[in-house]
């Protein structure tokens, strides 16, 4: 698979993750700050995951200069626990 195709596939999965986190948070009537507090992360982590860099198309550029687009597994597990869902539910892009 070409690098551009890999980037596009990753972007689609990250957008799906953002959508799932936002949906689960709203279903539980939690603010971004409340989710962040429960998960032990900063509100900016939740906000960036839900909207910011993940939703914006990237221009081709040096990978070392791209803004970070990934969260750690630790953060994923913390958010899943705070939302009372299995981490796989947040990764489901169907």
N, C-alpha and C. Protein backbone atom coordinates (compact mmCIF):
# COMPACT_ATOMS: atom_id res chain seq x y z
N UNK A 1 0.86 -1.18 0.00
CA UNK A 1 0.00 0.00 0.00
C UNK A 1 0.90 1.24 0.00
N UNK A 2 0.58 2.22 -0.80
CA UNK A 2 1.38 3.43 -0.90
C UNK A 2 1.24 4.28 0.36
N UNK A 3 2.23 5.11 0.61
CA UNK A 3 2.24 5.94 1.82
C UNK A 3 0.98 6.81 1.92
N UNK A 4 0.56 7.40 0.81
CA UNK A 4 -0.63 8.24 0.84
C UNK A 4 -1.86 7.43 1.21
N UNK A 5 -1.97 6.21 0.68
CA UNK A 5 -3.11 5.35 1.02
C UNK A 5 -3.09 4.98 2.50
N UNK A 6 -1.90 4.71 3.04
CA UNK A 6 -1.78 4.40 4.46
C UNK A 6 -2.19 5.60 5.31
N UNK A 7 -1.75 6.78 4.91
CA UNK A 7 -2.13 8.01 5.63
C UNK A 7 -3.64 8.20 5.61
N UNK A 8 -4.26 7.98 4.45
CA UNK A 8 -5.71 8.16 4.33
C UNK A 8 -6.46 7.14 5.18
N UNK A 9 -5.98 5.89 5.21
CA UNK A 9 -6.62 4.86 6.02
C UNK A 9 -6.49 5.19 7.50
N UNK A 10 -5.31 5.66 7.92
CA UNK A 10 -5.11 6.05 9.31
C UNK A 10 -6.01 7.22 9.67
N UNK A 11 -6.07 8.21 8.80
CA UNK A 11 -6.92 9.37 9.05
C UNK A 11 -8.38 8.95 9.22
N UNK A 12 -8.85 8.03 8.40
CA UNK A 12 -10.24 7.56 8.50
C UNK A 12 -10.47 6.86 9.84
N UNK A 13 -9.52 6.07 10.27
CA UNK A 13 -9.67 5.37 11.56
C UNK A 13 -9.64 6.36 12.73
N UNK A 14 -8.78 7.35 12.63
CA UNK A 14 -8.71 8.34 13.71
C UNK A 14 -9.99 9.18 13.77
N UNK A 15 -10.56 9.49 12.60
CA UNK A 15 -11.84 10.22 12.58
C UNK A 15 -12.94 9.36 13.19
N UNK A 16 -12.91 8.06 12.90
CA UNK A 16 -13.89 7.14 13.49
C UNK A 16 -13.73 7.08 15.01
N UNK A 17 -12.49 7.04 15.49
CA UNK A 17 -12.25 7.05 16.93
C UNK A 17 -12.78 8.33 17.55
N UNK A 18 -12.51 9.45 16.91
CA UNK A 18 -13.01 10.74 17.40
C UNK A 18 -14.53 10.74 17.49
N UNK A 19 -15.17 10.21 16.47
CA UNK A 19 -16.63 10.15 16.44
C UNK A 19 -17.17 9.26 17.56
N UNK A 20 -16.54 8.12 17.77
CA UNK A 20 -17.00 7.19 18.81
C UNK A 20 -16.83 7.78 20.21
N UNK A 21 -15.70 8.44 20.46
CA UNK A 21 -15.48 9.06 21.77
C UNK A 21 -16.51 10.16 22.00
N UNK A 22 -16.72 11.00 21.00
CA UNK A 22 -17.69 12.10 21.12
C UNK A 22 -19.10 11.55 21.37
N UNK A 23 -19.48 10.52 20.60
CA UNK A 23 -20.80 9.91 20.75
C UNK A 23 -20.98 9.33 22.15
N UNK A 24 -20.01 8.56 22.61
CA UNK A 24 -20.10 7.94 23.94
C UNK A 24 -20.15 8.99 25.04
N UNK A 25 -19.35 10.04 24.88
CA UNK A 25 -19.35 11.11 25.89
C UNK A 25 -20.70 11.80 25.95
N UNK A 26 -21.25 12.13 24.79
CA UNK A 26 -22.54 12.82 24.75
C UNK A 26 -23.67 11.93 25.26
N UNK A 27 -23.62 10.62 24.95
CA UNK A 27 -24.64 9.70 25.44
C UNK A 27 -24.66 9.66 26.98
N UNK A 28 -23.51 9.91 27.58
CA UNK A 28 -23.41 9.90 29.03
C UNK A 28 -23.56 11.29 29.63
N UNK A 29 -23.87 12.24 28.76
CA UNK A 29 -24.08 13.63 29.17
C UNK A 29 -22.87 14.19 29.94
N UNK A 30 -21.69 13.91 29.42
CA UNK A 30 -20.46 14.39 30.03
C UNK A 30 -19.87 15.53 29.19
N UNK A 31 -19.31 16.49 29.85
CA UNK A 31 -18.56 17.52 29.14
C UNK A 31 -17.17 16.96 28.85
N UNK A 32 -16.44 17.63 27.98
CA UNK A 32 -15.07 17.21 27.71
C UNK A 32 -14.25 17.26 28.99
N UNK A 33 -14.47 18.27 29.80
CA UNK A 33 -13.73 18.40 31.05
C UNK A 33 -14.05 17.26 32.02
N UNK A 34 -15.33 16.88 32.10
CA UNK A 34 -15.71 15.77 32.98
C UNK A 34 -15.08 14.46 32.52
N UNK A 35 -15.10 14.21 31.21
CA UNK A 35 -14.45 13.01 30.70
C UNK A 35 -12.96 13.04 30.99
N UNK A 36 -12.34 14.17 30.76
CA UNK A 36 -10.91 14.31 31.03
C UNK A 36 -10.60 14.02 32.50
N UNK A 37 -11.39 14.58 33.40
CA UNK A 37 -11.18 14.34 34.83
C UNK A 37 -11.31 12.86 35.17
N UNK A 38 -12.34 12.22 34.65
CA UNK A 38 -12.56 10.79 34.92
C UNK A 38 -11.43 9.92 34.34
N UNK A 39 -10.91 10.34 33.19
CA UNK A 39 -9.88 9.56 32.52
C UNK A 39 -8.47 9.91 33.00
N UNK A 40 -8.34 11.01 33.73
CA UNK A 40 -7.02 11.42 34.20
C UNK A 40 -6.15 12.00 33.11
N UNK A 41 -6.79 12.69 32.16
CA UNK A 41 -6.06 13.37 31.09
C UNK A 41 -6.50 14.83 31.07
N UNK A 42 -5.81 15.64 30.31
CA UNK A 42 -6.22 17.05 30.22
C UNK A 42 -7.41 17.19 29.28
N UNK A 43 -8.17 18.26 29.47
CA UNK A 43 -9.30 18.52 28.60
C UNK A 43 -8.84 18.70 27.16
N UNK A 44 -7.66 19.28 26.98
CA UNK A 44 -7.17 19.50 25.62
C UNK A 44 -6.93 18.18 24.88
N UNK A 45 -6.58 17.12 25.59
CA UNK A 45 -6.42 15.81 24.95
C UNK A 45 -7.76 15.35 24.38
N UNK A 46 -8.82 15.49 25.19
CA UNK A 46 -10.16 15.10 24.73
C UNK A 46 -10.58 15.98 23.56
N UNK A 47 -10.38 17.28 23.70
CA UNK A 47 -10.80 18.21 22.64
C UNK A 47 -10.06 17.93 21.33
N UNK A 48 -8.75 17.73 21.39
CA UNK A 48 -7.99 17.47 20.17
C UNK A 48 -8.39 16.15 19.55
N UNK A 49 -8.65 15.16 20.39
CA UNK A 49 -9.08 13.88 19.86
C UNK A 49 -10.42 14.01 19.15
N UNK A 50 -11.35 14.72 19.75
CA UNK A 50 -12.70 14.83 19.19
C UNK A 50 -12.81 15.70 17.96
N UNK A 51 -11.99 16.70 17.82
CA UNK A 51 -12.25 17.63 16.72
C UNK A 51 -11.01 18.11 15.98
N UNK A 52 -10.15 18.71 16.60
CA UNK A 52 -9.07 19.50 16.04
C UNK A 52 -8.30 18.82 14.93
N UNK A 53 -7.15 18.36 15.21
CA UNK A 53 -6.24 17.87 14.17
C UNK A 53 -6.74 16.63 13.48
N UNK A 54 -7.55 15.85 14.15
CA UNK A 54 -8.01 14.61 13.54
C UNK A 54 -9.02 14.87 12.43
N UNK A 55 -9.75 15.96 12.52
CA UNK A 55 -10.78 16.25 11.53
C UNK A 55 -10.27 17.08 10.36
N UNK A 56 -9.06 17.59 10.46
CA UNK A 56 -8.54 18.46 9.41
C UNK A 56 -7.71 17.65 8.42
N UNK A 57 -7.96 17.84 7.14
CA UNK A 57 -7.12 17.14 6.16
C UNK A 57 -5.68 17.63 6.27
N UNK A 58 -4.76 16.74 6.08
CA UNK A 58 -3.34 17.11 6.15
C UNK A 58 -2.78 17.37 4.78
N UNK A 59 -1.88 18.29 4.72
CA UNK A 59 -1.13 18.52 3.49
C UNK A 59 0.08 17.60 3.51
N UNK A 60 0.53 17.23 2.35
CA UNK A 60 1.74 16.41 2.28
C UNK A 60 2.89 17.23 2.84
N UNK A 61 3.55 16.67 3.83
CA UNK A 61 4.67 17.36 4.42
C UNK A 61 5.58 16.35 5.11
N UNK A 62 6.69 16.80 5.55
CA UNK A 62 7.64 15.96 6.26
C UNK A 62 6.96 15.39 7.50
N UNK A 63 6.93 14.06 7.68
CA UNK A 63 6.25 13.46 8.83
C UNK A 63 6.75 13.98 10.17
N UNK A 64 8.01 14.40 10.22
CA UNK A 64 8.55 14.91 11.49
C UNK A 64 7.98 16.27 11.85
N UNK A 65 7.38 16.96 10.89
CA UNK A 65 6.82 18.29 11.15
C UNK A 65 5.31 18.27 11.31
N UNK A 66 4.68 17.09 11.11
CA UNK A 66 3.23 16.99 11.26
C UNK A 66 2.86 17.08 12.73
N UNK A 67 1.70 17.66 13.02
CA UNK A 67 1.25 17.64 14.41
C UNK A 67 0.94 16.20 14.82
N UNK A 68 1.06 15.90 16.10
CA UNK A 68 0.76 14.53 16.53
C UNK A 68 -0.69 14.19 16.26
N UNK A 69 -0.94 12.97 15.77
CA UNK A 69 -2.30 12.55 15.45
C UNK A 69 -2.68 11.31 16.24
N UNK A 70 -1.83 10.86 17.10
CA UNK A 70 -2.08 9.61 17.80
C UNK A 70 -2.26 9.84 19.29
N UNK A 71 -3.02 8.93 19.90
CA UNK A 71 -3.08 8.93 21.36
C UNK A 71 -2.42 7.64 21.81
N UNK A 72 -1.98 7.61 23.04
CA UNK A 72 -1.35 6.40 23.55
C UNK A 72 -2.42 5.37 23.89
N UNK A 73 -1.99 4.12 23.96
CA UNK A 73 -2.91 3.07 24.40
C UNK A 73 -3.39 3.35 25.81
N UNK A 74 -2.51 3.87 26.64
CA UNK A 74 -2.89 4.21 28.01
C UNK A 74 -4.06 5.19 28.01
N UNK A 75 -3.98 6.22 27.17
CA UNK A 75 -5.06 7.21 27.09
C UNK A 75 -6.34 6.58 26.55
N UNK A 76 -6.21 5.73 25.54
CA UNK A 76 -7.38 5.04 25.00
C UNK A 76 -8.05 4.20 26.08
N UNK A 77 -7.26 3.44 26.83
CA UNK A 77 -7.83 2.59 27.89
C UNK A 77 -8.46 3.43 29.00
N UNK A 78 -7.82 4.53 29.36
CA UNK A 78 -8.37 5.42 30.39
C UNK A 78 -9.72 6.00 29.95
N UNK A 79 -9.79 6.44 28.70
CA UNK A 79 -11.05 7.01 28.19
C UNK A 79 -12.13 5.94 28.14
N UNK A 80 -11.77 4.76 27.68
CA UNK A 80 -12.76 3.67 27.61
C UNK A 80 -13.29 3.35 29.01
N UNK A 81 -12.41 3.27 29.98
CA UNK A 81 -12.85 3.00 31.35
C UNK A 81 -13.73 4.12 31.87
N UNK A 82 -13.35 5.35 31.61
CA UNK A 82 -14.14 6.50 32.07
C UNK A 82 -15.52 6.52 31.41
N UNK A 83 -15.60 6.02 30.17
CA UNK A 83 -16.87 5.98 29.44
C UNK A 83 -17.63 4.67 29.68
N UNK A 84 -17.00 3.77 30.43
CA UNK A 84 -17.59 2.47 30.75
C UNK A 84 -17.91 1.67 29.49
N UNK A 85 -16.95 1.64 28.58
CA UNK A 85 -17.06 0.84 27.36
C UNK A 85 -15.77 0.05 27.18
N UNK A 86 -15.83 -0.98 26.38
CA UNK A 86 -14.63 -1.74 26.03
C UNK A 86 -13.84 -0.89 25.03
N UNK A 87 -12.52 -0.87 25.13
CA UNK A 87 -11.73 -0.06 24.19
C UNK A 87 -12.04 -0.38 22.73
N UNK A 88 -12.38 -1.61 22.42
CA UNK A 88 -12.68 -1.97 21.04
C UNK A 88 -13.89 -1.22 20.51
N UNK A 89 -14.83 -0.87 21.39
CA UNK A 89 -15.99 -0.09 20.94
C UNK A 89 -15.58 1.27 20.42
N UNK A 90 -14.53 1.84 20.99
CA UNK A 90 -14.08 3.15 20.54
C UNK A 90 -13.33 3.06 19.22
N UNK A 91 -12.83 1.87 18.92
CA UNK A 91 -12.06 1.67 17.69
C UNK A 91 -12.91 1.15 16.55
N UNK A 92 -14.17 0.85 16.82
CA UNK A 92 -15.05 0.31 15.80
C UNK A 92 -15.40 1.40 14.79
N UNK A 93 -14.96 1.21 13.55
CA UNK A 93 -15.19 2.24 12.54
C UNK A 93 -16.32 1.88 11.58
N UNK A 94 -17.19 0.96 12.00
CA UNK A 94 -18.34 0.60 11.17
C UNK A 94 -19.51 1.49 11.46
